[in-house]
Amino acid sequence: MGNYYLAEVSGLDSMQVQPRNICTLSSSCISKPREAILVDNLCVTSFTLVCIRSGNIKITTESKQIIECEAPGMIVLEKEQTVSVLLEDINGHLSFEVLEVPHNILMSTYELLTENLQAIPTGVINHPRVVYTEDFPARREVFDSLKNKLICQDKQHSPGEFKSDSIDSGLVPNSLLFVLSFFIRHPVAAGMLSRSIKMSVKDKVYSIIYAEPERQWKLADVSSMIFMSASTLKRKLAVEGTTFSELYLTARMNLATKLLRAGKHSVSTVAVLCGYDSVSYFIYCFKKRFNITPSAFMRSINH
């Protein structure tokens, strides 16, 4: 069975790696002995689940705490935080899957859970925002089924949303509820879920851009879609600690990592799909963001 550890961390402040999205690591599988890998500044943009099948993962939070997660088990991460991740193989094996939960599915599941969750003030920030739960029967099978359904929908819809009229729409929240059955017993579950279901202005902007990354978006285009003036949108994003240009880049780069990880497209094709006219500029932006070239990233994931 897996184990849960929480400890203070020191000595990691000096690590300087460009920010990247947590889903950059999705579907990774290492099947040969190798050194432990430290990936710093991973941005968690959605309520995220990490299913660990073999190996060991250590997550360092913004509050300098460590969550050590030994396979088999699952990690639950609250959205809107930055973490560092140390990946370690055991007997030469490391395998895990990452699932970003769509906002409306999380909302539906939260409504099913409301009466049963332990009430904890949602504004408290000293509670852990990362929780590890041990494995239990059928969890992996349901997790895989849930991920496959969401992947199929993600190909046709923007991130953070699930088609409500889908034949599986009623099954998905219940599948997520089953996967989270151990997590919801944790005393911080209510706070993590309630904070993650809140839809901020930057969430809306990110989703709009991500849905059409090939479009040459302007601030005025997006502001009109959410019924704001350009100046109001700019001000609201500043209050939330970001900018339109940063969200624009983040949406494109996050899509790029997913496409490269799938290994079905060349770097040139990915550049076009992400809205870049110049492949060389796409490569420059990707390397600046992730400290690795697109081709090297694709090789490391699809080995």
C-alpha atoms as a PDB file:
ATOM      1  CA  MET A   1       0.000   0.000   0.000  1.00  0.00           C
ATOM      2  CA  GLY A   2       1.086   3.563  -0.556  1.00  0.00           C
ATOM      3  CA  ASN A   3       2.139   5.887   2.225  1.00  0.00           C
ATOM      4  CA  TYR A   4       1.419   9.551   2.927  1.00  0.00           C
ATOM      5  CA  TYR A   5       4.146  11.851   4.191  1.00  0.00           C
ATOM      6  CA  LEU A   6       4.153  15.560   4.961  1.00  0.00           C
ATOM      7  CA  ALA A   7       7.428  17.288   5.831  1.00  0.00           C
ATOM      8  CA  GLU A   8       9.205  20.602   5.593  1.00  0.00           C
ATOM      9  CA  VAL A   9      11.513  21.097   2.617  1.00  0.00           C
ATOM     10  CA  SER A  10      14.779  22.976   2.461  1.00  0.00           C
ATOM     11  CA  GLY A  11      17.386  23.525  -0.187  1.00  0.00           C
ATOM     12  CA  LEU A  12      15.004  23.698  -3.165  1.00  0.00           C
ATOM     13  CA  ASP A  13      14.750  27.473  -3.363  1.00  0.00           C
ATOM     14  CA  SER A  14      17.816  27.643  -5.564  1.00  0.00           C
ATOM     15  CA  MET A  15      16.221  25.567  -8.329  1.00  0.00           C
ATOM     16  CA  GLN A  16      15.364  27.891 -11.217  1.00  0.00           C
ATOM     17  CA  VAL A  17      13.326  26.225 -13.964  1.00  0.00           C
ATOM     18  CA  GLN A  18      10.868  27.944 -16.302  1.00  0.00           C
ATOM     19  CA  PRO A  19       7.199  27.503 -15.279  1.00  0.00           C
ATOM     20  CA  ARG A  20       5.243  24.807 -17.075  1.00  0.00           C
ATOM     21  CA  ASN A  21       1.864  23.162 -16.717  1.00  0.00           C
ATOM     22  CA  ILE A  22       1.361  20.096 -14.528  1.00  0.00           C
ATOM     23  CA  CYS A  23      -0.184  18.260 -17.466  1.00  0.00           C
ATOM     24  CA  THR A  24       3.210  18.427 -19.176  1.00  0.00           C
ATOM     25  CA  LEU A  25       3.948  15.248 -17.225  1.00  0.00           C
ATOM     26  CA  SER A  26       0.805  13.372 -18.220  1.00  0.00           C
ATOM     27  CA  SER A  27       1.016   9.792 -19.451  1.00  0.00           C
ATOM     28  CA  SER A  28       4.711   9.534 -18.604  1.00  0.00           C
ATOM     29  CA  CYS A  29       6.140   6.032 -18.291  1.00  0.00           C
ATOM     30  CA  ILE A  30       9.781   5.265 -17.544  1.00  0.00           C
ATOM     31  CA  SER A  31      10.693   1.587 -17.774  1.00  0.00           C
ATOM     32  CA  LYS A  32      14.440   1.626 -17.288  1.00  0.00           C
ATOM     33  CA  PRO A  33      16.756   2.700 -14.420  1.00  0.00           C
ATOM     34  CA  ARG A  34      17.493   6.426 -14.392  1.00  0.00           C
ATOM     35  CA  GLU A  35      18.287   9.282 -12.055  1.00  0.00           C
ATOM     36  CA  ALA A  36      15.484  10.995 -10.158  1.00  0.00           C
ATOM     37  CA  ILE A  37      14.032  13.931 -12.103  1.00  0.00           C
ATOM     38  CA  LEU A  38      13.157  17.256 -10.453  1.00  0.00           C
ATOM     39  CA  VAL A  39      10.732  19.502 -12.336  1.00  0.00           C
ATOM     40  CA  ASP A  40      10.268  22.900 -10.723  1.00  0.00           C
ATOM     41  CA  ASN A  41       7.446  25.452 -11.007  1.00  0.00           C
ATOM     42  CA  LEU A  42       4.663  23.312 -12.463  1.00  0.00           C
ATOM     43  CA  CYS A  43       1.456  25.324 -12.802  1.00  0.00           C
ATOM     44  CA  VAL A  44      -1.733  23.540 -11.726  1.00  0.00           C
ATOM     45  CA  THR A  45      -4.479  25.281 -13.725  1.00  0.00           C
ATOM     46  CA  SER A  46      -7.316  22.830 -12.962  1.00  0.00           C
ATOM     47  CA  PHE A  47      -8.409  20.494 -10.178  1.00  0.00           C
ATOM     48  CA  THR A  48      -6.020  17.660 -11.027  1.00  0.00           C
ATOM     49  CA  LEU A  49      -5.681  13.951 -10.292  1.00  0.00           C
ATOM     50  CA  VAL A  50      -2.430  11.995 -10.666  1.00  0.00           C
ATOM     51  CA  CYS A  51      -2.769   8.210 -10.732  1.00  0.00           C
ATOM     52  CA  ILE A  52       0.561   6.603  -9.720  1.00  0.00           C
ATOM     53  CA  ARG A  53       1.003   3.055 -10.976  1.00  0.00           C
ATOM     54  CA  SER A  54       4.650   2.446 -10.191  1.00  0.00           C
ATOM     55  CA  GLY A  55       7.479   4.474  -8.737  1.00  0.00           C
ATOM     56  CA  ASN A  56       7.512   7.365  -6.305  1.00  0.00           C
ATOM     57  CA  ILE A  57       6.514  11.036  -6.674  1.00  0.00           C
ATOM     58  CA  LYS A  58       7.379  13.820  -4.240  1.00  0.00           C
ATOM     59  CA  ILE A  59       5.517  17.109  -4.560  1.00  0.00           C
ATOM     60  CA  THR A  60       6.815  20.308  -2.992  1.00  0.00           C
ATOM     61  CA  THR A  61       4.149  22.944  -2.397  1.00  0.00           C
ATOM     62  CA  GLU A  62       4.420  26.720  -2.329  1.00  0.00           C
ATOM     63  CA  SER A  63       4.428  26.561   1.477  1.00  0.00           C
ATOM     64  CA  LYS A  64       7.575  24.375   1.363  1.00  0.00           C
ATOM     65  CA  GLN A  65       5.865  21.176   2.410  1.00  0.00           C
ATOM     66  CA  ILE A  66       6.517  17.810   0.786  1.00  0.00           C
ATOM     67  CA  ILE A  67       3.923  15.208  -0.083  1.00  0.00           C
ATOM     68  CA  GLU A  68       5.637  11.867  -0.747  1.00  0.00           C
ATOM     69  CA  CYS A  69       3.481   9.527  -2.801  1.00  0.00           C
ATOM     70  CA  GLU A  70       4.371   5.878  -3.276  1.00  0.00           C
ATOM     71  CA  ALA A  71       2.597   3.714  -5.863  1.00  0.00           C
ATOM     72  CA  PRO A  72      -0.064   2.538  -6.127  1.00  0.00           C
ATOM     73  CA  GLY A  73      -2.213   5.524  -5.220  1.00  0.00           C
ATOM     74  CA  MET A  74      -3.582   8.874  -6.335  1.00  0.00           C
ATOM     75  CA  ILE A  75      -2.604  12.504  -5.768  1.00  0.00           C
ATOM     76  CA  VAL A  76      -5.262  15.239  -5.697  1.00  0.00           C
ATOM     77  CA  LEU A  77      -4.142  18.814  -6.405  1.00  0.00           C
ATOM     78  CA  GLU A  78      -6.186  21.952  -5.867  1.00  0.00           C
ATOM     79  CA  LYS A  79      -6.129  24.350  -8.812  1.00  0.00           C
ATOM     80  CA  GLU A  80      -4.224  27.658  -9.035  1.00  0.00           C
ATOM     81  CA  GLN A  81      -0.979  26.705  -7.335  1.00  0.00           C
ATOM     82  CA  THR A  82       2.616  26.105  -8.349  1.00  0.00           C
ATOM     83  CA  VAL A  83       4.440  22.961  -7.264  1.00  0.00           C
ATOM     84  CA  SER A  84       7.767  21.219  -7.757  1.00  0.00           C
ATOM     85  CA  VAL A  85       7.749  17.507  -8.579  1.00  0.00           C
ATOM     86  CA  LEU A  86      10.468  14.919  -7.960  1.00  0.00           C
ATOM     87  CA  LEU A  87       9.988  11.728  -9.991  1.00  0.00           C
ATOM     88  CA  GLU A  88      11.735   8.573  -8.764  1.00  0.00           C
ATOM     89  CA  ASP A  89      11.636   5.091 -10.235  1.00  0.00           C
ATOM     90  CA  ILE A  90      11.439   1.943  -8.102  1.00  0.00           C
ATOM     91  CA  ASN A  91      13.283  -1.068  -9.504  1.00  0.00           C
ATOM     92  CA  GLY A  92      13.605   0.816 -12.772  1.00  0.00           C
ATOM     93  CA  HIS A  93       9.904   1.609 -13.179  1.00  0.00           C
ATOM     94  CA  LEU A  94       7.909   4.840 -12.990  1.00  0.00           C
ATOM     95  CA  SER A  95       4.420   5.135 -14.465  1.00  0.00           C
ATOM     96  CA  PHE A  96       1.599   7.604 -13.833  1.00  0.00           C
ATOM     97  CA  GLU A  97      -1.311   9.402 -15.519  1.00  0.00           C
ATOM     98  CA  VAL A  98      -2.541  12.981 -15.076  1.00  0.00           C
ATOM     99  CA  LEU A  99      -6.179  14.044 -15.395  1.00  0.00           C
ATOM    100  CA  GLU A 100      -7.391  17.646 -15.334  1.00  0.00           C
ATOM    101  CA  VAL A 101     -11.050  17.611 -14.245  1.00  0.00           C
ATOM    102  CA  PRO A 102     -13.417  19.830 -16.307  1.00  0.00           C
ATOM    103  CA  HIS A 103     -15.029  22.610 -14.288  1.00  0.00           C
ATOM    104  CA  ASN A 104     -18.660  21.601 -14.875  1.00  0.00           C
ATOM    105  CA  ILE A 105     -17.964  17.968 -13.974  1.00  0.00           C
ATOM    106  CA  LEU A 106     -16.296  19.091 -10.755  1.00  0.00           C
ATOM    107  CA  MET A 107     -19.325  21.296 -10.038  1.00  0.00           C
ATOM    108  CA  SER A 108     -21.738  18.391 -10.546  1.00  0.00           C
ATOM    109  CA  THR A 109     -19.668  16.126  -8.326  1.00  0.00           C
ATOM    110  CA  TYR A 110     -19.361  18.818  -5.651  1.00  0.00           C
ATOM    111  CA  GLU A 111     -23.149  19.196  -5.567  1.00  0.00           C
ATOM    112  CA  LEU A 112     -23.471  15.453  -4.958  1.00  0.00           C
ATOM    113  CA  LEU A 113     -20.980  15.709  -2.111  1.00  0.00           C
ATOM    114  CA  THR A 114     -22.056  18.937  -0.411  1.00  0.00           C
ATOM    115  CA  GLU A 115     -24.004  17.382   2.443  1.00  0.00           C
ATOM    116  CA  ASN A 116     -21.329  14.799   3.198  1.00  0.00           C
ATOM    117  CA  LEU A 117     -18.197  16.925   3.082  1.00  0.00           C
ATOM    118  CA  GLN A 118     -16.654  18.044   6.347  1.00  0.00           C
ATOM    119  CA  ALA A 119     -17.183  21.772   6.701  1.00  0.00           C
ATOM    120  CA  ILE A 120     -13.902  23.657   6.751  1.00  0.00           C
ATOM    121  CA  PRO A 121     -13.540  27.418   6.076  1.00  0.00           C
ATOM    122  CA  THR A 122     -12.670  27.723   2.388  1.00  0.00           C
ATOM    123  CA  GLY A 123     -10.524  30.796   2.912  1.00  0.00           C
ATOM    124  CA  VAL A 124      -8.007  29.029   5.157  1.00  0.00           C
ATOM    125  CA  ILE A 125      -4.721  28.763   3.257  1.00  0.00           C
ATOM    126  CA  ASN A 126      -2.604  26.870   5.795  1.00  0.00           C
ATOM    127  CA  HIS A 127      -4.230  23.526   5.058  1.00  0.00           C
ATOM    128  CA  PRO A 128      -2.552  21.231   2.514  1.00  0.00           C
ATOM    129  CA  ARG A 129      -3.565  21.872  -1.101  1.00  0.00           C
ATOM    130  CA  VAL A 130      -2.168  18.520  -2.212  1.00  0.00           C
ATOM    131  CA  VAL A 131      -3.508  15.228  -0.818  1.00  0.00           C
ATOM    132  CA  TYR A 132      -2.351  11.655  -1.423  1.00  0.00           C
ATOM    133  CA  THR A 133      -4.776   8.749  -1.100  1.00  0.00           C
ATOM    134  CA  GLU A 134      -3.974   5.047  -1.084  1.00  0.00           C
ATOM    135  CA  ASP A 135      -5.172   2.683  -3.769  1.00  0.00           C
ATOM    136  CA  PHE A 136      -8.414   0.707  -3.500  1.00  0.00           C
ATOM    137  CA  PRO A 137     -10.160  -1.964  -5.646  1.00  0.00           C
ATOM    138  CA  ALA A 138     -11.311  -0.853  -9.134  1.00  0.00           C
ATOM    139  CA  ARG A 139      -9.944   2.683  -8.688  1.00  0.00           C
ATOM    140  CA  ARG A 140      -7.486   2.335 -11.562  1.00  0.00           C
ATOM    141  CA  GLU A 141     -10.096   0.892 -13.958  1.00  0.00           C
ATOM    142  CA  VAL A 142     -12.609   3.653 -13.214  1.00  0.00           C
ATOM    143  CA  PHE A 143      -9.874   6.303 -13.455  1.00  0.00           C
ATOM    144  CA  ASP A 144      -8.870   5.028 -16.909  1.00  0.00           C
ATOM    145  CA  SER A 145     -12.490   4.918 -18.077  1.00  0.00           C
ATOM    146  CA  LEU A 146     -13.089   8.451 -16.800  1.00  0.00           C
ATOM    147  CA  LYS A 147      -9.977   9.773 -18.503  1.00  0.00           C
ATOM    148  CA  ASN A 148     -10.891   8.157 -21.822  1.00  0.00           C
ATOM    149  CA  LYS A 149     -14.352   9.752 -21.763  1.00  0.00           C
ATOM    150  CA  LEU A 150     -12.894  13.180 -21.016  1.00  0.00           C
ATOM    151  CA  ILE A 151     -10.207  12.837 -23.697  1.00  0.00           C
ATOM    152  CA  CYS A 152     -12.881  12.096 -26.302  1.00  0.00           C
ATOM    153  CA  GLN A 153     -14.806  15.199 -25.250  1.00  0.00           C
ATOM    154  CA  ASP A 154     -11.681  17.349 -25.060  1.00  0.00           C
ATOM    155  CA  LYS A 155     -11.062  16.770 -28.759  1.00  0.00           C
ATOM    156  CA  GLN A 156     -14.306  18.584 -29.560  1.00  0.00           C
ATOM    157  CA  HIS A 157     -14.737  21.116 -26.762  1.00  0.00           C
ATOM    158  CA  SER A 158     -12.812  23.733 -24.851  1.00  0.00           C
ATOM    159  CA  PRO A 159     -10.916  22.845 -21.655  1.00  0.00           C
ATOM    160  CA  GLY A 160     -12.776  22.989 -18.392  1.00  0.00           C
ATOM    161  CA  GLU A 161     -16.111  21.933 -19.890  1.00  0.00           C
ATOM    162  CA  PHE A 162     -17.830  18.624 -20.632  1.00  0.00           C
ATOM    163  CA  LYS A 163     -20.675  18.269 -23.125  1.00  0.00           C
ATOM    164  CA  SER A 164     -23.786  18.061 -20.946  1.00  0.00           C
ATOM    165  CA  ASP A 165     -25.910  16.175 -23.489  1.00  0.00           C
ATOM    166  CA  SER A 166     -23.362  13.393 -23.920  1.00  0.00           C
ATOM    167  CA  ILE A 167     -24.678   9.864 -23.408  1.00  0.00           C
ATOM    168  CA  ASP A 168     -22.060   9.486 -20.669  1.00  0.00           C
ATOM    169  CA  SER A 169     -22.729  12.851 -19.004  1.00  0.00           C
ATOM    170  CA  GLY A 170     -24.608  11.273 -16.103  1.00  0.00           C
ATOM    171  CA  LEU A 171     -21.968   8.621 -15.558  1.00  0.00           C
ATOM    172  CA  VAL A 172     -18.968  10.931 -15.484  1.00  0.00           C
ATOM    173  CA  PRO A 173     -19.731  12.761 -12.184  1.00  0.00           C
ATOM    174  CA  ASN A 174     -20.465   9.412 -10.535  1.00  0.00           C
ATOM    175  CA  SER A 175     -17.214   7.963 -11.878  1.00  0.00           C
ATOM    176  CA  LEU A 176     -15.336  10.949 -10.465  1.00  0.00           C
ATOM    177  CA  LEU A 177     -17.180  10.528  -7.174  1.00  0.00           C
ATOM    178  CA  PHE A 178     -15.980   6.923  -7.009  1.00  0.00           C
ATOM    179  CA  VAL A 179     -12.386   7.892  -7.815  1.00  0.00           C
ATOM    180  CA  LEU A 180     -12.490  10.564  -5.081  1.00  0.00           C
ATOM    181  CA  SER A 181     -14.136   8.286  -2.489  1.00  0.00           C
ATOM    182  CA  PHE A 182     -11.011   8.095  -0.300  1.00  0.00           C
ATOM    183  CA  PHE A 183     -10.100  11.757  -0.842  1.00  0.00           C
ATOM    184  CA  ILE A 184     -13.438  13.112   0.409  1.00  0.00           C
ATOM    185  CA  ARG A 185     -12.765  11.541   3.809  1.00  0.00           C
ATOM    186  CA  HIS A 186      -9.803  13.864   4.234  1.00  0.00           C
ATOM    187  CA  PRO A 187     -10.566  16.914   6.428  1.00  0.00           C
ATOM    188  CA  VAL A 188      -9.287  19.375   3.797  1.00  0.00           C
ATOM    189  CA  ALA A 189     -11.404  17.957   0.956  1.00  0.00           C
ATOM    190  CA  ALA A 190     -14.239  20.476   1.347  1.00  0.00           C
ATOM    191  CA  GLY A 191     -11.911  23.463   1.142  1.00  0.00           C
ATOM    192  CA  MET A 192      -9.945  22.131  -1.827  1.00  0.00           C
ATOM    193  CA  LEU A 193     -13.103  21.374  -3.796  1.00  0.00           C
ATOM    194  CA  SER A 194     -14.941  24.597  -2.989  1.00  0.00           C
ATOM    195  CA  ARG A 195     -11.963  26.741  -3.981  1.00  0.00           C
ATOM    196  CA  SER A 196     -11.431  24.752  -7.173  1.00  0.00           C
ATOM    197  CA  ILE A 197     -15.020  25.166  -8.415  1.00  0.00           C
ATOM    198  CA  LYS A 198     -14.779  28.952  -8.360  1.00  0.00           C
ATOM    199  CA  MET A 199     -14.509  30.336 -11.898  1.00  0.00           C
ATOM    200  CA  SER A 200     -12.257  33.393 -12.062  1.00  0.00           C
ATOM    201  CA  VAL A 201     -11.956  35.888 -14.905  1.00  0.00           C
ATOM    202  CA  LYS A 202      -8.591  34.449 -15.876  1.00  0.00           C
ATOM    203  CA  ASP A 203     -10.182  30.980 -16.069  1.00  0.00           C
ATOM    204  CA  LYS A 204     -12.717  32.299 -18.585  1.00  0.00           C
ATOM    205  CA  VAL A 205     -10.056  34.052 -20.665  1.00  0.00           C
ATOM    206  CA  TYR A 206      -7.822  30.980 -20.653  1.00  0.00           C
ATOM    207  CA  SER A 207     -10.669  28.715 -21.818  1.00  0.00           C
ATOM    208  CA  ILE A 208     -11.626  31.038 -24.671  1.00  0.00           C
ATOM    209  CA  ILE A 209      -8.070  31.224 -25.989  1.00  0.00           C
ATOM    210  CA  TYR A 210      -7.402  27.509 -25.525  1.00  0.00           C
ATOM    211  CA  ALA A 211     -10.515  26.615 -27.532  1.00  0.00           C
ATOM    212  CA  GLU A 212      -9.131  28.453 -30.601  1.00  0.00           C
ATOM    213  CA  PRO A 213      -5.351  28.734 -30.140  1.00  0.00           C
ATOM    214  CA  GLU A 214      -4.761  29.236 -33.866  1.00  0.00           C
ATOM    215  CA  ARG A 215      -6.738  32.496 -33.802  1.00  0.00           C
ATOM    216  CA  GLN A 216      -4.800  35.739 -33.463  1.00  0.00           C
ATOM    217  CA  TRP A 217      -6.571  36.935 -30.339  1.00  0.00           C
ATOM    218  CA  LYS A 218      -6.682  40.528 -29.170  1.00  0.00           C
ATOM    219  CA  LEU A 219      -7.719  41.811 -25.763  1.00  0.00           C
ATOM    220  CA  ALA A 220     -10.816  43.470 -27.245  1.00  0.00           C
ATOM    221  CA  ASP A 221     -11.919  40.202 -28.881  1.00  0.00           C
ATOM    222  CA  VAL A 222     -11.932  38.302 -25.607  1.00  0.00           C
ATOM    223  CA  SER A 223     -13.390  41.132 -23.536  1.00  0.00           C
ATOM    224  CA  SER A 224     -16.413  41.354 -25.847  1.00  0.00           C
ATOM    225  CA  MET A 225     -17.025  37.613 -25.427  1.00  0.00           C
ATOM    226  CA  ILE A 226     -17.300  37.964 -21.654  1.00  0.00           C
ATOM    227  CA  PHE A 227     -19.217  41.249 -21.865  1.00  0.00           C
ATOM    228  CA  MET A 228     -16.535  43.588 -20.555  1.00  0.00           C
ATOM    229  CA  SER A 229     -14.650  46.523 -21.938  1.00  0.00           C
ATOM    230  CA  ALA A 230     -10.998  45.917 -22.753  1.00  0.00           C
ATOM    231  CA  SER A 231      -9.909  48.238 -19.944  1.00  0.00           C
ATOM    232  CA  THR A 232     -12.128  46.468 -17.396  1.00  0.00           C
ATOM    233  CA  LEU A 233     -10.800  43.062 -18.403  1.00  0.00           C
ATOM    234  CA  LYS A 234      -7.220  44.282 -18.191  1.00  0.00           C
ATOM    235  CA  ARG A 235      -7.867  45.661 -14.706  1.00  0.00           C
ATOM    236  CA  LYS A 236      -9.580  42.486 -13.468  1.00  0.00           C
ATOM    237  CA  LEU A 237      -6.744  40.310 -14.739  1.00  0.00           C
ATOM    238  CA  ALA A 238      -4.252  42.548 -12.947  1.00  0.00           C
ATOM    239  CA  VAL A 239      -6.200  42.076  -9.709  1.00  0.00           C
ATOM    240  CA  GLU A 240      -5.929  38.303 -10.234  1.00  0.00           C
ATOM    241  CA  GLY A 241      -2.181  38.594 -10.730  1.00  0.00           C
ATOM    242  CA  THR A 242      -1.886  37.961 -14.451  1.00  0.00           C
ATOM    243  CA  THR A 243      -2.097  39.589 -17.881  1.00  0.00           C
ATOM    244  CA  PHE A 244      -3.809  38.845 -21.172  1.00  0.00           C
ATOM    245  CA  SER A 245      -0.491  38.159 -22.900  1.00  0.00           C
ATOM    246  CA  GLU A 246       0.576  35.714 -20.171  1.00  0.00           C
ATOM    247  CA  LEU A 247      -2.697  33.775 -20.443  1.00  0.00           C
ATOM    248  CA  TYR A 248      -2.391  33.806 -24.236  1.00  0.00           C
ATOM    249  CA  LEU A 249       1.070  32.266 -24.048  1.00  0.00           C
ATOM    250  CA  THR A 250       0.100  29.795 -21.316  1.00  0.00           C
ATOM    251  CA  ALA A 251      -2.880  28.477 -23.293  1.00  0.00           C
ATOM    252  CA  ARG A 252      -0.758  27.966 -26.409  1.00  0.00           C
ATOM    253  CA  MET A 253       2.116  26.337 -24.552  1.00  0.00           C
ATOM    254  CA  ASN A 254      -0.173  24.006 -22.606  1.00  0.00           C
ATOM    255  CA  LEU A 255      -1.768  22.830 -25.834  1.00  0.00           C
ATOM    256  CA  ALA A 256       1.682  22.382 -27.363  1.00  0.00           C
ATOM    257  CA  THR A 257       2.784  20.065 -24.547  1.00  0.00           C
ATOM    258  CA  LYS A 258      -0.330  17.926 -24.986  1.00  0.00           C
ATOM    259  CA  LEU A 259       0.130  17.641 -28.753  1.00  0.00           C
ATOM    260  CA  LEU A 260       3.832  16.859 -28.473  1.00  0.00           C
ATOM    261  CA  ARG A 261       3.189  14.308 -25.756  1.00  0.00           C
ATOM    262  CA  ALA A 262       0.724  12.489 -28.013  1.00  0.00           C
ATOM    263  CA  GLY A 263       3.530  12.100 -30.564  1.00  0.00           C
ATOM    264  CA  LYS A 264       1.184  12.218 -33.564  1.00  0.00           C
ATOM    265  CA  HIS A 265       2.367  15.535 -35.039  1.00  0.00           C
ATOM    266  CA  SER A 266       5.672  17.026 -36.100  1.00  0.00           C
ATOM    267  CA  VAL A 267       6.989  20.133 -34.365  1.00  0.00           C
ATOM    268  CA  SER A 268       6.068  22.184 -37.445  1.00  0.00           C
ATOM    269  CA  THR A 269       2.472  20.955 -37.350  1.00  0.00           C
ATOM    270  CA  VAL A 270       2.182  21.612 -33.621  1.00  0.00           C
ATOM    271  CA  ALA A 271       3.421  25.165 -34.179  1.00  0.00           C
ATOM    272  CA  VAL A 272       0.643  25.786 -36.703  1.00  0.00           C
ATOM    273  CA  LEU A 273      -2.033  24.166 -34.521  1.00  0.00           C
ATOM    274  CA  CYS A 274      -0.978  26.434 -31.657  1.00  0.00           C
ATOM    275  CA  GLY A 275      -1.281  29.568 -33.792  1.00  0.00           C
ATOM    276  CA  TYR A 276       2.354  30.238 -34.715  1.00  0.00           C
ATOM    277  CA  ASP A 277       3.212  31.329 -38.264  1.00  0.00           C
ATOM    278  CA  SER A 278       6.932  30.912 -37.576  1.00  0.00           C
ATOM    279  CA  VAL A 279       8.174  27.504 -36.452  1.00  0.00           C
ATOM    280  CA  SER A 280      11.441  28.994 -35.231  1.00  0.00           C
ATOM    281  CA  TYR A 281       9.567  31.495 -33.046  1.00  0.00           C
ATOM    282  CA  PHE A 282       7.419  28.676 -31.643  1.00  0.00           C
ATOM    283  CA  ILE A 283      10.574  26.732 -30.762  1.00  0.00           C
ATOM    284  CA  TYR A 284      12.034  29.856 -29.131  1.00  0.00           C
ATOM    285  CA  CYS A 285       8.884  30.431 -27.018  1.00  0.00           C
ATOM    286  CA  PHE A 286       8.648  26.778 -26.006  1.00  0.00           C
ATOM    287  CA  LYS A 287      12.292  26.560 -24.951  1.00  0.00           C
ATOM    288  CA  LYS A 288      12.098  29.840 -23.046  1.00  0.00           C
ATOM    289  CA  ARG A 289       9.013  28.635 -21.197  1.00  0.00           C
ATOM    290  CA  PHE A 290      10.040  25.059 -20.419  1.00  0.00           C
ATOM    291  CA  ASN A 291      13.831  25.145 -20.700  1.00  0.00           C
ATOM    292  CA  ILE A 292      13.702  22.359 -23.298  1.00  0.00           C
ATOM    293  CA  THR A 293      13.141  22.310 -27.074  1.00  0.00           C
ATOM    294  CA  PRO A 294       9.884  20.866 -28.481  1.00  0.00           C
ATOM    295  CA  SER A 295      11.721  18.010 -30.209  1.00  0.00           C
ATOM    296  CA  ALA A 296      13.686  17.101 -27.067  1.00  0.00           C
ATOM    297  CA  PHE A 297      10.491  17.240 -25.015  1.00  0.00           C
ATOM    298  CA  MET A 298       8.700  14.948 -27.453  1.00  0.00           C
ATOM    299  CA  ARG A 299      11.564  12.448 -27.432  1.00  0.00           C
ATOM    300  CA  SER A 300      11.725  12.384 -23.628  1.00  0.00           C
ATOM    301  CA  ILE A 301       7.995  11.678 -23.299  1.00  0.00           C
ATOM    302  CA  ASN A 302       7.650   9.264 -26.215  1.00  0.00           C
ATOM    303  CA  HIS A 303      10.713   7.115 -25.629  1.00  0.00           C
END
